[in-house]
Amino acid sequence: MATSGISGSGGSGGATTTSSSLTALSNNYELFLSILTTQIQNQDPLNPMDSSKYTEQLVQYSSVEQQIKTNDQLGDLLSVMAATTASSYVSYLGTNVTAAGNTTSLKDGEAEWTYDTPEAGKARVEVRNNLGAVIFSEDADLSYGRNTYSWDGRTTAGSTAPDGEYTISIARYDANNRPTVPVATEISGTVDGIEFTSSGAVLQIGGVYVSASSVLSVNRD
């Protein structure tokens, strides 16, 4: 079981934000203390400030201090949560997953997608390469429900496409005989790598990357 491709650090964005907030609060804390000390040193001895005003400012001082401590504890909590989340995604390694998606790998002249349609009927199928160019298209008869569409790598021009990543689009023909009704597709494969990005965990299935949030089922052989 391959375990390569794990990179990045989960939750780093949250830790940075917490650190920035803590710095800002600490600066406010120091500024407040400096201002309060200056007020006391420079008040008019014949007309001192009302003690209730000092009490009010001390309450504000205490509130800022509590915010700093709370943010510090929140930062620790976020770090623990990020580590726990990252560990849970690592368990995907070596498992077979099915995920919502339309890009999969062609290997040894074979690529497969699962489609799900509420109605049987004719549909337009297009396969694109990684540059977005349509290299194969045909009209196919879709069966009702969940089924598999297979492509052998043959292009419309009659050549054979090299192994790599290819994207499919399937659209059923409507009542006006136009291919306008999109059909949902899924991909399946073994997870052999994980990356942690600012937008969440991404699973690597061969050369294809899918968001962990798009996983529909997990199977461990």
N, C-alpha and C. Protein backbone atom coordinates (compact mmCIF):
# COMPACT_ATOMS: atom_id res chain seq x y z
N MET A 1 0.85 -1.20 0.00
CA MET A 1 0.00 0.00 0.00
C MET A 1 0.87 1.24 0.00
N ALA A 2 0.69 2.07 -0.99
CA ALA A 2 1.50 3.29 -1.09
C ALA A 2 1.01 4.33 -0.12
N THR A 3 1.95 5.02 0.52
CA THR A 3 1.56 6.06 1.47
C THR A 3 2.27 7.37 1.16
N SER A 4 2.69 7.52 -0.07
CA SER A 4 3.38 8.76 -0.44
C SER A 4 2.38 9.85 -0.74
N GLY A 5 2.88 11.09 -0.79
CA GLY A 5 2.04 12.20 -1.19
C GLY A 5 1.39 12.94 -0.05
N ILE A 6 1.72 12.59 1.21
CA ILE A 6 1.15 13.32 2.35
C ILE A 6 1.99 14.56 2.55
N SER A 7 1.35 15.71 2.45
CA SER A 7 2.11 16.94 2.60
C SER A 7 1.25 18.00 3.21
N GLY A 8 1.90 19.10 3.62
CA GLY A 8 1.14 20.23 4.18
C GLY A 8 0.90 20.03 5.66
N SER A 9 0.18 20.99 6.23
CA SER A 9 -0.11 20.94 7.66
C SER A 9 -1.52 21.40 7.87
N GLY A 10 -2.36 20.54 8.41
CA GLY A 10 -3.75 20.90 8.63
C GLY A 10 -3.89 21.96 9.67
N GLY A 11 -4.78 22.95 9.39
CA GLY A 11 -5.12 23.94 10.40
C GLY A 11 -4.12 25.06 10.53
N SER A 12 -3.13 25.18 9.69
CA SER A 12 -2.12 26.22 9.83
C SER A 12 -2.74 27.61 9.70
N GLY A 13 -3.78 27.75 8.85
CA GLY A 13 -4.43 29.04 8.68
C GLY A 13 -5.07 29.51 9.97
N GLY A 14 -5.74 28.59 10.70
CA GLY A 14 -6.38 28.93 11.96
C GLY A 14 -5.37 29.36 13.00
N ALA A 15 -4.21 28.66 13.06
CA ALA A 15 -3.18 28.99 14.03
C ALA A 15 -2.61 30.37 13.77
N THR A 16 -2.42 30.72 12.48
CA THR A 16 -1.88 32.02 12.12
C THR A 16 -2.84 33.13 12.51
N THR A 17 -4.14 32.90 12.25
CA THR A 17 -5.15 33.90 12.61
C THR A 17 -5.18 34.12 14.11
N THR A 18 -5.14 33.03 14.88
CA THR A 18 -5.16 33.14 16.34
C THR A 18 -3.95 33.90 16.84
N SER A 19 -2.76 33.60 16.26
CA SER A 19 -1.54 34.28 16.66
C SER A 19 -1.62 35.78 16.39
N SER A 20 -2.18 36.14 15.23
CA SER A 20 -2.32 37.56 14.87
C SER A 20 -3.27 38.27 15.83
N SER A 21 -4.38 37.59 16.16
CA SER A 21 -5.34 38.18 17.09
C SER A 21 -4.72 38.37 18.46
N LEU A 22 -3.92 37.40 18.90
CA LEU A 22 -3.27 37.47 20.21
C LEU A 22 -2.30 38.64 20.24
N THR A 23 -1.55 38.84 19.17
CA THR A 23 -0.60 39.95 19.09
C THR A 23 -1.33 41.29 19.18
N ALA A 24 -2.46 41.39 18.45
CA ALA A 24 -3.23 42.64 18.47
C ALA A 24 -3.77 42.94 19.86
N LEU A 25 -4.31 41.90 20.52
CA LEU A 25 -4.85 42.10 21.86
C LEU A 25 -3.75 42.47 22.86
N SER A 26 -2.59 41.84 22.72
CA SER A 26 -1.46 42.14 23.61
C SER A 26 -1.01 43.58 23.43
N ASN A 27 -0.98 44.04 22.19
CA ASN A 27 -0.60 45.44 21.93
C ASN A 27 -1.60 46.39 22.56
N ASN A 28 -2.90 46.09 22.45
CA ASN A 28 -3.93 46.92 23.07
C ASN A 28 -3.79 46.93 24.59
N TYR A 29 -3.46 45.78 25.13
CA TYR A 29 -3.27 45.61 26.57
C TYR A 29 -2.15 46.54 27.07
N GLU A 30 -1.01 46.50 26.36
CA GLU A 30 0.13 47.33 26.75
C GLU A 30 -0.19 48.82 26.59
N LEU A 31 -0.90 49.16 25.49
CA LEU A 31 -1.27 50.56 25.26
C LEU A 31 -2.20 51.07 26.35
N PHE A 32 -3.19 50.23 26.72
CA PHE A 32 -4.13 50.63 27.76
C PHE A 32 -3.41 50.89 29.08
N LEU A 33 -2.50 49.99 29.45
CA LEU A 33 -1.77 50.12 30.70
C LEU A 33 -0.93 51.39 30.70
N SER A 34 -0.32 51.69 29.55
CA SER A 34 0.50 52.90 29.45
C SER A 34 -0.35 54.16 29.60
N ILE A 35 -1.52 54.18 28.94
CA ILE A 35 -2.41 55.34 29.03
C ILE A 35 -2.92 55.53 30.45
N LEU A 36 -3.32 54.43 31.10
CA LEU A 36 -3.85 54.52 32.47
C LEU A 36 -2.78 55.04 33.42
N THR A 37 -1.56 54.55 33.28
CA THR A 37 -0.46 55.01 34.14
C THR A 37 -0.18 56.49 33.93
N THR A 38 -0.20 56.93 32.69
CA THR A 38 0.03 58.34 32.36
C THR A 38 -1.07 59.22 32.95
N GLN A 39 -2.32 58.73 32.91
CA GLN A 39 -3.44 59.48 33.49
C GLN A 39 -3.23 59.70 34.99
N ILE A 40 -2.83 58.66 35.67
CA ILE A 40 -2.64 58.74 37.12
C ILE A 40 -1.52 59.70 37.47
N GLN A 41 -0.43 59.64 36.67
CA GLN A 41 0.73 60.49 36.94
C GLN A 41 0.46 61.96 36.66
N ASN A 42 -0.43 62.23 35.73
CA ASN A 42 -0.62 63.61 35.29
C ASN A 42 -1.97 64.22 35.68
N GLN A 43 -2.73 63.56 36.53
CA GLN A 43 -4.01 64.14 36.94
C GLN A 43 -3.79 65.33 37.85
N ASP A 44 -4.75 66.21 37.90
CA ASP A 44 -4.68 67.42 38.73
C ASP A 44 -4.86 67.02 40.20
N PRO A 45 -3.86 67.26 41.06
CA PRO A 45 -3.98 66.86 42.47
C PRO A 45 -5.15 67.54 43.18
N LEU A 46 -5.51 68.76 42.69
CA LEU A 46 -6.61 69.48 43.32
C LEU A 46 -7.96 69.04 42.78
N ASN A 47 -7.95 68.32 41.66
CA ASN A 47 -9.21 67.86 41.07
C ASN A 47 -8.99 66.46 40.49
N PRO A 48 -8.73 65.49 41.36
CA PRO A 48 -8.41 64.13 40.88
C PRO A 48 -9.61 63.50 40.15
N MET A 49 -9.29 62.55 39.31
CA MET A 49 -10.34 61.85 38.57
C MET A 49 -11.22 61.05 39.52
N ASP A 50 -12.49 61.01 39.19
CA ASP A 50 -13.46 60.23 39.97
C ASP A 50 -13.00 58.77 40.03
N SER A 51 -13.01 58.20 41.24
CA SER A 51 -12.55 56.81 41.41
C SER A 51 -13.37 55.83 40.58
N SER A 52 -14.66 56.18 40.33
CA SER A 52 -15.50 55.28 39.53
C SER A 52 -14.97 55.16 38.10
N LYS A 53 -14.32 56.23 37.62
CA LYS A 53 -13.75 56.20 36.30
C LYS A 53 -12.58 55.22 36.23
N TYR A 54 -11.77 55.24 37.32
CA TYR A 54 -10.67 54.28 37.39
C TYR A 54 -11.20 52.85 37.42
N THR A 55 -12.27 52.66 38.18
CA THR A 55 -12.87 51.33 38.27
C THR A 55 -13.35 50.86 36.91
N GLU A 56 -14.00 51.77 36.18
CA GLU A 56 -14.50 51.42 34.85
C GLU A 56 -13.35 51.03 33.91
N GLN A 57 -12.24 51.78 33.97
CA GLN A 57 -11.11 51.48 33.11
C GLN A 57 -10.42 50.18 33.52
N LEU A 58 -10.37 49.92 34.83
CA LEU A 58 -9.77 48.68 35.30
C LEU A 58 -10.58 47.46 34.86
N VAL A 59 -11.92 47.64 34.80
CA VAL A 59 -12.77 46.57 34.30
C VAL A 59 -12.46 46.29 32.84
N GLN A 60 -12.27 47.37 32.07
CA GLN A 60 -11.91 47.21 30.66
C GLN A 60 -10.55 46.51 30.53
N TYR A 61 -9.63 46.91 31.41
CA TYR A 61 -8.30 46.30 31.43
C TYR A 61 -8.40 44.79 31.69
N SER A 62 -9.24 44.42 32.65
CA SER A 62 -9.43 43.01 32.98
C SER A 62 -10.07 42.25 31.82
N SER A 63 -11.00 42.92 31.11
CA SER A 63 -11.67 42.29 29.97
C SER A 63 -10.68 41.96 28.86
N VAL A 64 -9.77 42.90 28.59
CA VAL A 64 -8.76 42.66 27.56
C VAL A 64 -7.85 41.51 27.96
N GLU A 65 -7.48 41.48 29.24
CA GLU A 65 -6.62 40.40 29.74
C GLU A 65 -7.29 39.04 29.56
N GLN A 66 -8.60 38.98 29.83
CA GLN A 66 -9.34 37.72 29.67
C GLN A 66 -9.43 37.31 28.20
N GLN A 67 -9.58 38.31 27.32
CA GLN A 67 -9.62 38.00 25.89
C GLN A 67 -8.32 37.37 25.42
N ILE A 68 -7.20 37.89 25.94
CA ILE A 68 -5.89 37.35 25.57
C ILE A 68 -5.78 35.90 26.02
N LYS A 69 -6.19 35.61 27.24
CA LYS A 69 -6.11 34.24 27.76
C LYS A 69 -7.05 33.31 26.99
N THR A 70 -8.26 33.83 26.68
CA THR A 70 -9.22 33.01 25.92
C THR A 70 -8.69 32.68 24.54
N ASN A 71 -8.11 33.68 23.86
CA ASN A 71 -7.56 33.44 22.53
C ASN A 71 -6.41 32.44 22.56
N ASP A 72 -5.60 32.52 23.62
CA ASP A 72 -4.49 31.59 23.76
C ASP A 72 -5.00 30.16 23.90
N GLN A 73 -6.04 29.98 24.72
CA GLN A 73 -6.62 28.65 24.91
C GLN A 73 -7.32 28.17 23.64
N LEU A 74 -7.97 29.11 22.92
CA LEU A 74 -8.63 28.75 21.67
C LEU A 74 -7.62 28.28 20.63
N GLY A 75 -6.46 28.94 20.60
CA GLY A 75 -5.40 28.53 19.67
C GLY A 75 -4.95 27.10 19.95
N ASP A 76 -4.80 26.76 21.23
CA ASP A 76 -4.41 25.39 21.60
C ASP A 76 -5.47 24.39 21.17
N LEU A 77 -6.74 24.76 21.38
CA LEU A 77 -7.85 23.88 21.01
C LEU A 77 -7.89 23.65 19.51
N LEU A 78 -7.69 24.72 18.72
CA LEU A 78 -7.71 24.60 17.27
C LEU A 78 -6.57 23.70 16.78
N SER A 79 -5.42 23.79 17.43
CA SER A 79 -4.29 22.95 17.04
C SER A 79 -4.59 21.48 17.28
N VAL A 80 -5.23 21.19 18.42
CA VAL A 80 -5.60 19.81 18.74
C VAL A 80 -6.63 19.29 17.74
N MET A 81 -7.63 20.14 17.42
CA MET A 81 -8.67 19.73 16.47
C MET A 81 -8.08 19.48 15.09
N ALA A 82 -7.14 20.34 14.66
CA ALA A 82 -6.52 20.19 13.34
C ALA A 82 -5.74 18.88 13.27
N ALA A 83 -5.01 18.56 14.34
CA ALA A 83 -4.23 17.32 14.36
C ALA A 83 -5.15 16.10 14.32
N THR A 84 -6.26 16.17 15.05
CA THR A 84 -7.21 15.06 15.07
C THR A 84 -7.84 14.86 13.70
N THR A 85 -8.22 15.98 13.05
CA THR A 85 -8.82 15.91 11.72
C THR A 85 -7.85 15.31 10.70
N ALA A 86 -6.59 15.76 10.76
CA ALA A 86 -5.58 15.24 9.83
C ALA A 86 -5.40 13.74 10.02
N SER A 87 -5.39 13.29 11.26
CA SER A 87 -5.22 11.85 11.54
C SER A 87 -6.38 11.04 10.98
N SER A 88 -7.58 11.59 11.05
CA SER A 88 -8.74 10.85 10.56
C SER A 88 -8.69 10.69 9.03
N TYR A 89 -8.16 11.70 8.33
CA TYR A 89 -8.06 11.60 6.87
C TYR A 89 -6.98 10.61 6.44
N VAL A 90 -5.94 10.47 7.25
CA VAL A 90 -4.87 9.52 6.91
C VAL A 90 -5.42 8.11 6.80
N SER A 91 -6.51 7.82 7.52
CA SER A 91 -7.11 6.48 7.46
C SER A 91 -7.67 6.16 6.08
N TYR A 92 -7.80 7.16 5.21
CA TYR A 92 -8.26 6.91 3.84
C TYR A 92 -7.21 6.17 3.01
N LEU A 93 -5.94 6.29 3.38
CA LEU A 93 -4.87 5.70 2.59
C LEU A 93 -5.09 4.20 2.40
N GLY A 94 -4.99 3.76 1.15
CA GLY A 94 -5.14 2.35 0.84
C GLY A 94 -6.56 1.87 0.69
N THR A 95 -7.53 2.74 0.94
CA THR A 95 -8.93 2.34 0.80
C THR A 95 -9.44 2.63 -0.60
N ASN A 96 -10.48 1.93 -0.99
CA ASN A 96 -11.15 2.20 -2.27
C ASN A 96 -12.31 3.15 -2.00
N VAL A 97 -12.32 4.26 -2.68
CA VAL A 97 -13.38 5.25 -2.45
C VAL A 97 -14.13 5.52 -3.75
N THR A 98 -15.37 5.93 -3.57
CA THR A 98 -16.19 6.43 -4.68
C THR A 98 -16.51 7.88 -4.36
N ALA A 99 -16.27 8.76 -5.32
CA ALA A 99 -16.46 10.19 -5.08
C ALA A 99 -17.17 10.82 -6.26
N ALA A 100 -17.92 11.87 -5.97
CA ALA A 100 -18.55 12.64 -7.04
C ALA A 100 -17.45 13.30 -7.85
N GLY A 101 -17.51 13.14 -9.15
CA GLY A 101 -16.46 13.73 -10.00
C GLY A 101 -16.56 13.23 -11.42
N ASN A 102 -15.84 13.88 -12.32
CA ASN A 102 -15.90 13.49 -13.73
C ASN A 102 -14.53 13.29 -14.36
N THR A 103 -13.46 13.35 -13.56
CA THR A 103 -12.11 13.13 -14.06
C THR A 103 -11.52 11.85 -13.48
N THR A 104 -11.03 11.00 -14.34
CA THR A 104 -10.42 9.75 -13.88
C THR A 104 -9.22 9.42 -14.76
N SER A 105 -8.54 8.33 -14.43
CA SER A 105 -7.32 7.97 -15.16
C SER A 105 -7.60 6.90 -16.21
N LEU A 106 -6.99 7.09 -17.38
CA LEU A 106 -6.97 6.05 -18.41
C LEU A 106 -5.68 5.28 -18.21
N LYS A 107 -5.80 3.97 -18.00
CA LYS A 107 -4.62 3.14 -17.77
C LYS A 107 -4.78 1.84 -18.53
N ASP A 108 -3.77 1.52 -19.34
CA ASP A 108 -3.78 0.29 -20.13
C ASP A 108 -5.05 0.17 -20.98
N GLY A 109 -5.47 1.30 -21.56
CA GLY A 109 -6.62 1.29 -22.44
C GLY A 109 -7.95 1.10 -21.74
N GLU A 110 -8.04 1.57 -20.50
CA GLU A 110 -9.31 1.41 -19.78
C GLU A 110 -9.55 2.58 -18.83
N ALA A 111 -10.73 3.17 -18.94
CA ALA A 111 -11.17 4.22 -18.03
C ALA A 111 -12.66 4.02 -17.79
N GLU A 112 -13.08 4.21 -16.56
CA GLU A 112 -14.49 3.98 -16.22
C GLU A 112 -15.04 5.10 -15.36
N TRP A 113 -16.29 5.41 -15.60
CA TRP A 113 -17.05 6.35 -14.77
C TRP A 113 -18.38 5.69 -14.41
N THR A 114 -18.91 6.03 -13.28
CA THR A 114 -20.26 5.60 -12.91
C THR A 114 -21.20 6.78 -13.15
N TYR A 115 -22.31 6.52 -13.79
CA TYR A 115 -23.29 7.59 -13.99
C TYR A 115 -24.61 7.19 -13.33
N ASP A 116 -25.40 8.18 -13.02
CA ASP A 116 -26.69 7.93 -12.37
C ASP A 116 -27.73 8.81 -13.04
N THR A 117 -28.70 8.19 -13.68
CA THR A 117 -29.73 8.95 -14.38
C THR A 117 -31.12 8.46 -14.00
N PRO A 118 -32.05 9.38 -13.78
CA PRO A 118 -33.42 8.98 -13.41
C PRO A 118 -34.23 8.48 -14.59
N GLU A 119 -33.68 8.64 -15.81
CA GLU A 119 -34.39 8.20 -17.01
C GLU A 119 -33.42 7.56 -18.00
N ALA A 120 -33.87 6.51 -18.63
CA ALA A 120 -33.07 5.90 -19.70
C ALA A 120 -33.23 6.74 -20.96
N GLY A 121 -32.29 6.60 -21.88
CA GLY A 121 -32.42 7.35 -23.14
C GLY A 121 -31.09 7.67 -23.76
N LYS A 122 -31.15 8.30 -24.91
CA LYS A 122 -29.93 8.66 -25.64
C LYS A 122 -29.24 9.84 -24.99
N ALA A 123 -27.91 9.80 -25.00
CA ALA A 123 -27.14 10.89 -24.40
C ALA A 123 -25.90 11.17 -25.23
N ARG A 124 -25.42 12.39 -25.11
CA ARG A 124 -24.17 12.78 -25.78
C ARG A 124 -23.03 12.63 -24.78
N VAL A 125 -22.00 11.90 -25.16
CA VAL A 125 -20.84 11.67 -24.30
C VAL A 125 -19.62 12.34 -24.93
N GLU A 126 -18.90 13.12 -24.13
CA GLU A 126 -17.68 13.77 -24.60
C GLU A 126 -16.56 13.51 -23.59
N VAL A 127 -15.38 13.18 -24.10
CA VAL A 127 -14.21 12.97 -23.25
C VAL A 127 -13.17 14.02 -23.63
N ARG A 128 -12.64 14.71 -22.62
CA ARG A 128 -11.66 15.77 -22.84
C ARG A 128 -10.32 15.39 -22.21
N ASN A 129 -9.25 15.87 -22.82
CA ASN A 129 -7.92 15.66 -22.24
C ASN A 129 -7.63 16.74 -21.21
N ASN A 130 -6.40 16.73 -20.67
CA ASN A 130 -6.10 17.69 -19.61
C ASN A 130 -5.97 19.13 -20.10
N LEU A 131 -6.02 19.33 -21.42
CA LEU A 131 -6.02 20.69 -21.97
C LEU A 131 -7.44 21.18 -22.25
N GLY A 132 -8.43 20.31 -22.01
CA GLY A 132 -9.82 20.69 -22.23
C GLY A 132 -10.33 20.42 -23.63
N ALA A 133 -9.51 19.82 -24.48
CA ALA A 133 -9.92 19.54 -25.86
C ALA A 133 -10.72 18.24 -25.92
N VAL A 134 -11.82 18.25 -26.67
CA VAL A 134 -12.63 17.05 -26.84
C VAL A 134 -11.89 16.12 -27.79
N ILE A 135 -11.52 14.92 -27.30
CA ILE A 135 -10.79 13.98 -28.15
C ILE A 135 -11.66 12.78 -28.53
N PHE A 136 -12.81 12.65 -27.86
CA PHE A 136 -13.72 11.56 -28.21
C PHE A 136 -15.15 11.98 -27.89
N SER A 137 -16.07 11.64 -28.78
CA SER A 137 -17.49 11.92 -28.52
C SER A 137 -18.33 10.88 -29.24
N GLU A 138 -19.48 10.61 -28.68
CA GLU A 138 -20.41 9.67 -29.30
C GLU A 138 -21.79 9.84 -28.67
N ASP A 139 -22.80 9.31 -29.34
CA ASP A 139 -24.13 9.20 -28.76
C ASP A 139 -24.25 7.80 -28.18
N ALA A 140 -24.68 7.72 -26.94
CA ALA A 140 -24.78 6.43 -26.26
C ALA A 140 -26.17 6.28 -25.67
N ASP A 141 -26.62 5.05 -25.54
CA ASP A 141 -27.90 4.75 -24.90
C ASP A 141 -27.65 4.47 -23.43
N LEU A 142 -28.20 5.32 -22.57
CA LEU A 142 -28.02 5.16 -21.13
C LEU A 142 -29.14 4.31 -20.55
N SER A 143 -28.78 3.48 -19.59
CA SER A 143 -29.77 2.69 -18.87
C SER A 143 -30.20 3.45 -17.62
N TYR A 144 -31.38 3.17 -17.14
CA TYR A 144 -31.92 3.83 -15.95
C TYR A 144 -31.07 3.50 -14.72
N GLY A 145 -30.90 4.46 -13.81
CA GLY A 145 -30.22 4.24 -12.54
C GLY A 145 -28.71 4.37 -12.62
N ARG A 146 -28.04 3.64 -11.73
CA ARG A 146 -26.57 3.69 -11.65
C ARG A 146 -25.96 2.62 -12.56
N ASN A 147 -25.09 3.06 -13.45
CA ASN A 147 -24.43 2.14 -14.37
C ASN A 147 -23.03 2.65 -14.66
N THR A 148 -22.27 1.84 -15.36
CA THR A 148 -20.88 2.18 -15.67
C THR A 148 -20.72 2.52 -17.15
N TYR A 149 -19.96 3.58 -17.40
CA TYR A 149 -19.59 3.91 -18.78
C TYR A 149 -18.09 3.67 -18.91
N SER A 150 -17.70 2.86 -19.90
CA SER A 150 -16.30 2.53 -20.11
C SER A 150 -15.79 3.15 -21.40
N TRP A 151 -14.54 3.58 -21.37
CA TRP A 151 -13.88 4.14 -22.56
C TRP A 151 -12.55 3.44 -22.73
N ASP A 152 -12.26 3.00 -23.94
CA ASP A 152 -11.05 2.23 -24.20
C ASP A 152 -9.87 3.06 -24.67
N GLY A 153 -10.01 4.39 -24.62
CA GLY A 153 -8.91 5.26 -25.03
C GLY A 153 -8.90 5.59 -26.51
N ARG A 154 -9.87 5.06 -27.25
CA ARG A 154 -9.94 5.35 -28.67
C ARG A 154 -10.46 6.76 -28.89
N THR A 155 -9.79 7.52 -29.75
CA THR A 155 -10.21 8.90 -30.03
C THR A 155 -11.11 8.93 -31.25
N THR A 156 -11.78 10.05 -31.43
CA THR A 156 -12.64 10.22 -32.59
C THR A 156 -11.84 10.14 -33.89
N ALA A 157 -10.60 10.57 -33.82
CA ALA A 157 -9.74 10.55 -35.01
C ALA A 157 -9.22 9.16 -35.34
N GLY A 158 -9.48 8.20 -34.43
CA GLY A 158 -9.05 6.84 -34.69
C GLY A 158 -7.74 6.44 -34.05
N SER A 159 -7.10 7.38 -33.34
CA SER A 159 -5.84 7.06 -32.66
C SER A 159 -6.13 6.56 -31.24
N THR A 160 -5.08 6.22 -30.54
CA THR A 160 -5.23 5.76 -29.15
C THR A 160 -4.64 6.81 -28.22
N ALA A 161 -5.43 7.24 -27.27
CA ALA A 161 -4.99 8.26 -26.32
C ALA A 161 -3.98 7.66 -25.34
N PRO A 162 -2.97 8.43 -24.94
CA PRO A 162 -1.99 7.92 -23.96
C PRO A 162 -2.61 7.85 -22.56
N ASP A 163 -2.01 7.04 -21.71
CA ASP A 163 -2.46 6.98 -20.32
C ASP A 163 -2.39 8.38 -19.71
N GLY A 164 -3.33 8.66 -18.82
CA GLY A 164 -3.36 9.97 -18.18
C GLY A 164 -4.74 10.26 -17.64
N GLU A 165 -4.99 11.53 -17.34
CA GLU A 165 -6.27 11.92 -16.74
C GLU A 165 -7.19 12.50 -17.83
N TYR A 166 -8.44 12.05 -17.79
CA TYR A 166 -9.43 12.49 -18.78
C TYR A 166 -10.76 12.80 -18.07
N THR A 167 -11.45 13.77 -18.64
CA THR A 167 -12.70 14.26 -18.05
C THR A 167 -13.86 13.96 -18.97
N ILE A 168 -14.94 13.47 -18.39
CA ILE A 168 -16.12 13.11 -19.17
C ILE A 168 -17.26 14.07 -18.89
N SER A 169 -18.10 14.26 -19.90
CA SER A 169 -19.37 14.98 -19.69
C SER A 169 -20.45 14.17 -20.41
N ILE A 170 -21.56 13.96 -19.72
CA ILE A 170 -22.68 13.19 -20.29
C ILE A 170 -23.93 14.05 -20.18
N ALA A 171 -24.65 14.18 -21.29
CA ALA A 171 -25.87 14.98 -21.30
C ALA A 171 -26.96 14.23 -22.07
N ARG A 172 -28.08 13.99 -21.40
CA ARG A 172 -29.20 13.30 -22.07
C ARG A 172 -29.89 14.27 -23.04
N TYR A 173 -30.43 13.70 -24.09
CA TYR A 173 -31.20 14.50 -25.05
C TYR A 173 -32.57 14.83 -24.45
N ASP A 174 -33.00 16.08 -24.62
CA ASP A 174 -34.29 16.50 -24.09
C ASP A 174 -35.41 16.23 -25.11
N ALA A 175 -36.62 16.72 -24.81
CA ALA A 175 -37.78 16.50 -25.68
C ALA A 175 -37.61 17.13 -27.06
N ASN A 176 -36.71 18.13 -27.14
CA ASN A 176 -36.46 18.79 -28.42
C ASN A 176 -35.24 18.20 -29.14
N ASN A 177 -34.83 17.02 -28.66
CA ASN A 177 -33.71 16.30 -29.26
C ASN A 177 -32.40 17.10 -29.20
N ARG A 178 -32.19 17.74 -28.05
CA ARG A 178 -30.94 18.46 -27.81
C ARG A 178 -30.29 17.91 -26.53
N PRO A 179 -28.97 17.72 -26.52
CA PRO A 179 -28.29 17.17 -25.33
C PRO A 179 -28.09 18.24 -24.26
N THR A 180 -29.13 18.48 -23.49
CA THR A 180 -29.10 19.58 -22.52
C THR A 180 -29.26 19.14 -21.07
N VAL A 181 -29.55 17.85 -20.83
CA VAL A 181 -29.83 17.39 -19.45
C VAL A 181 -28.57 16.73 -18.89
N PRO A 182 -27.85 17.41 -17.98
CA PRO A 182 -26.61 16.84 -17.45
C PRO A 182 -26.84 15.59 -16.62
N VAL A 183 -25.93 14.65 -16.72
CA VAL A 183 -26.00 13.41 -15.96
C VAL A 183 -24.84 13.38 -14.96
N ALA A 184 -25.16 13.12 -13.70
CA ALA A 184 -24.14 13.10 -12.64
C ALA A 184 -23.21 11.90 -12.82
N THR A 185 -21.93 12.12 -12.57
CA THR A 185 -20.94 11.05 -12.69
C THR A 185 -20.14 10.91 -11.41
N GLU A 186 -19.57 9.71 -11.23
CA GLU A 186 -18.73 9.41 -10.07
C GLU A 186 -17.48 8.68 -10.55
N ILE A 187 -16.44 8.76 -9.74
CA ILE A 187 -15.21 8.02 -10.03
C ILE A 187 -14.86 7.14 -8.84
N SER A 188 -14.09 6.10 -9.09
CA SER A 188 -13.67 5.19 -8.02
C SER A 188 -12.20 4.86 -8.17
N GLY A 189 -11.57 4.52 -7.06
CA GLY A 189 -10.16 4.13 -7.10
C GLY A 189 -9.58 4.04 -5.71
N THR A 190 -8.31 3.65 -5.65
CA THR A 190 -7.61 3.50 -4.38
C THR A 190 -6.87 4.78 -4.02
N VAL A 191 -7.04 5.23 -2.80
CA VAL A 191 -6.39 6.45 -2.32
C VAL A 191 -4.92 6.13 -2.03
N ASP A 192 -4.01 6.80 -2.74
CA ASP A 192 -2.59 6.56 -2.50
C ASP A 192 -1.85 7.81 -2.05
N GLY A 193 -2.58 8.86 -1.73
CA GLY A 193 -1.94 10.06 -1.21
C GLY A 193 -2.96 11.04 -0.68
N ILE A 194 -2.53 11.91 0.22
CA ILE A 194 -3.40 12.94 0.81
C ILE A 194 -2.62 14.24 0.88
N GLU A 195 -3.28 15.32 0.56
CA GLU A 195 -2.70 16.64 0.72
C GLU A 195 -3.65 17.49 1.54
N PHE A 196 -3.09 18.33 2.41
CA PHE A 196 -3.91 19.22 3.21
C PHE A 196 -3.73 20.64 2.70
N THR A 197 -4.82 21.24 2.26
CA THR A 197 -4.80 22.58 1.71
C THR A 197 -5.62 23.52 2.58
N SER A 198 -5.58 24.80 2.25
CA SER A 198 -6.35 25.78 3.02
C SER A 198 -7.85 25.55 2.91
N SER A 199 -8.28 24.85 1.86
CA SER A 199 -9.71 24.61 1.67
C SER A 199 -10.13 23.20 2.11
N GLY A 200 -9.19 22.45 2.68
CA GLY A 200 -9.53 21.12 3.19
C GLY A 200 -8.64 20.03 2.63
N ALA A 201 -8.93 18.80 3.05
CA ALA A 201 -8.13 17.66 2.62
C ALA A 201 -8.47 17.26 1.18
N VAL A 202 -7.43 16.89 0.43
CA VAL A 202 -7.60 16.44 -0.95
C VAL A 202 -6.99 15.05 -1.08
N LEU A 203 -7.76 14.11 -1.64
CA LEU A 203 -7.31 12.74 -1.79
C LEU A 203 -6.75 12.54 -3.19
N GLN A 204 -5.66 11.79 -3.28
CA GLN A 204 -5.05 11.48 -4.57
C GLN A 204 -5.40 10.05 -4.95
N ILE A 205 -6.04 9.90 -6.11
CA ILE A 205 -6.41 8.59 -6.64
C ILE A 205 -5.69 8.44 -7.97
N GLY A 206 -4.55 7.75 -7.96
CA GLY A 206 -3.72 7.74 -9.14
C GLY A 206 -3.21 9.14 -9.37
N GLY A 207 -3.45 9.69 -10.54
CA GLY A 207 -3.04 11.06 -10.81
C GLY A 207 -4.17 12.06 -10.64
N VAL A 208 -5.30 11.59 -10.13
CA VAL A 208 -6.49 12.45 -9.99
C VAL A 208 -6.63 12.90 -8.54
N TYR A 209 -6.98 14.17 -8.35
CA TYR A 209 -7.18 14.72 -7.00
C TYR A 209 -8.66 15.04 -6.80
N VAL A 210 -9.20 14.59 -5.68
CA VAL A 210 -10.60 14.88 -5.36
C VAL A 210 -10.69 15.38 -3.92
N SER A 211 -11.61 16.26 -3.69
CA SER A 211 -11.84 16.77 -2.34
C SER A 211 -12.41 15.67 -1.45
N ALA A 212 -11.92 15.60 -0.22
CA ALA A 212 -12.43 14.59 0.71
C ALA A 212 -13.93 14.77 0.95
N SER A 213 -14.41 15.99 0.81
CA SER A 213 -15.83 16.25 1.03
C SER A 213 -16.71 15.67 -0.07
N SER A 214 -16.10 15.29 -1.21
CA SER A 214 -16.89 14.73 -2.32
C SER A 214 -16.98 13.21 -2.25
N VAL A 215 -16.33 12.58 -1.26
CA VAL A 215 -16.36 11.13 -1.12
C VAL A 215 -17.76 10.66 -0.74
N LEU A 216 -18.25 9.67 -1.47
CA LEU A 216 -19.59 9.15 -1.25
C LEU A 216 -19.57 7.83 -0.49
N SER A 217 -18.52 7.03 -0.69
CA SER A 217 -18.42 5.76 0.03
C SER A 217 -16.96 5.33 0.13
N VAL A 218 -16.68 4.54 1.16
CA VAL A 218 -15.31 4.06 1.41
C VAL A 218 -15.37 2.56 1.60
N ASN A 219 -14.46 1.87 0.93
CA ASN A 219 -14.41 0.41 0.98
C ASN A 219 -13.01 -0.03 1.31
N ARG A 220 -12.82 -0.83 2.32
CA ARG A 220 -11.49 -1.34 2.63
C ARG A 220 -11.47 -2.83 2.33
N ASP A 221 -10.66 -3.23 1.34
CA ASP A 221 -10.58 -4.64 0.95
C ASP A 221 -9.89 -5.47 2.02
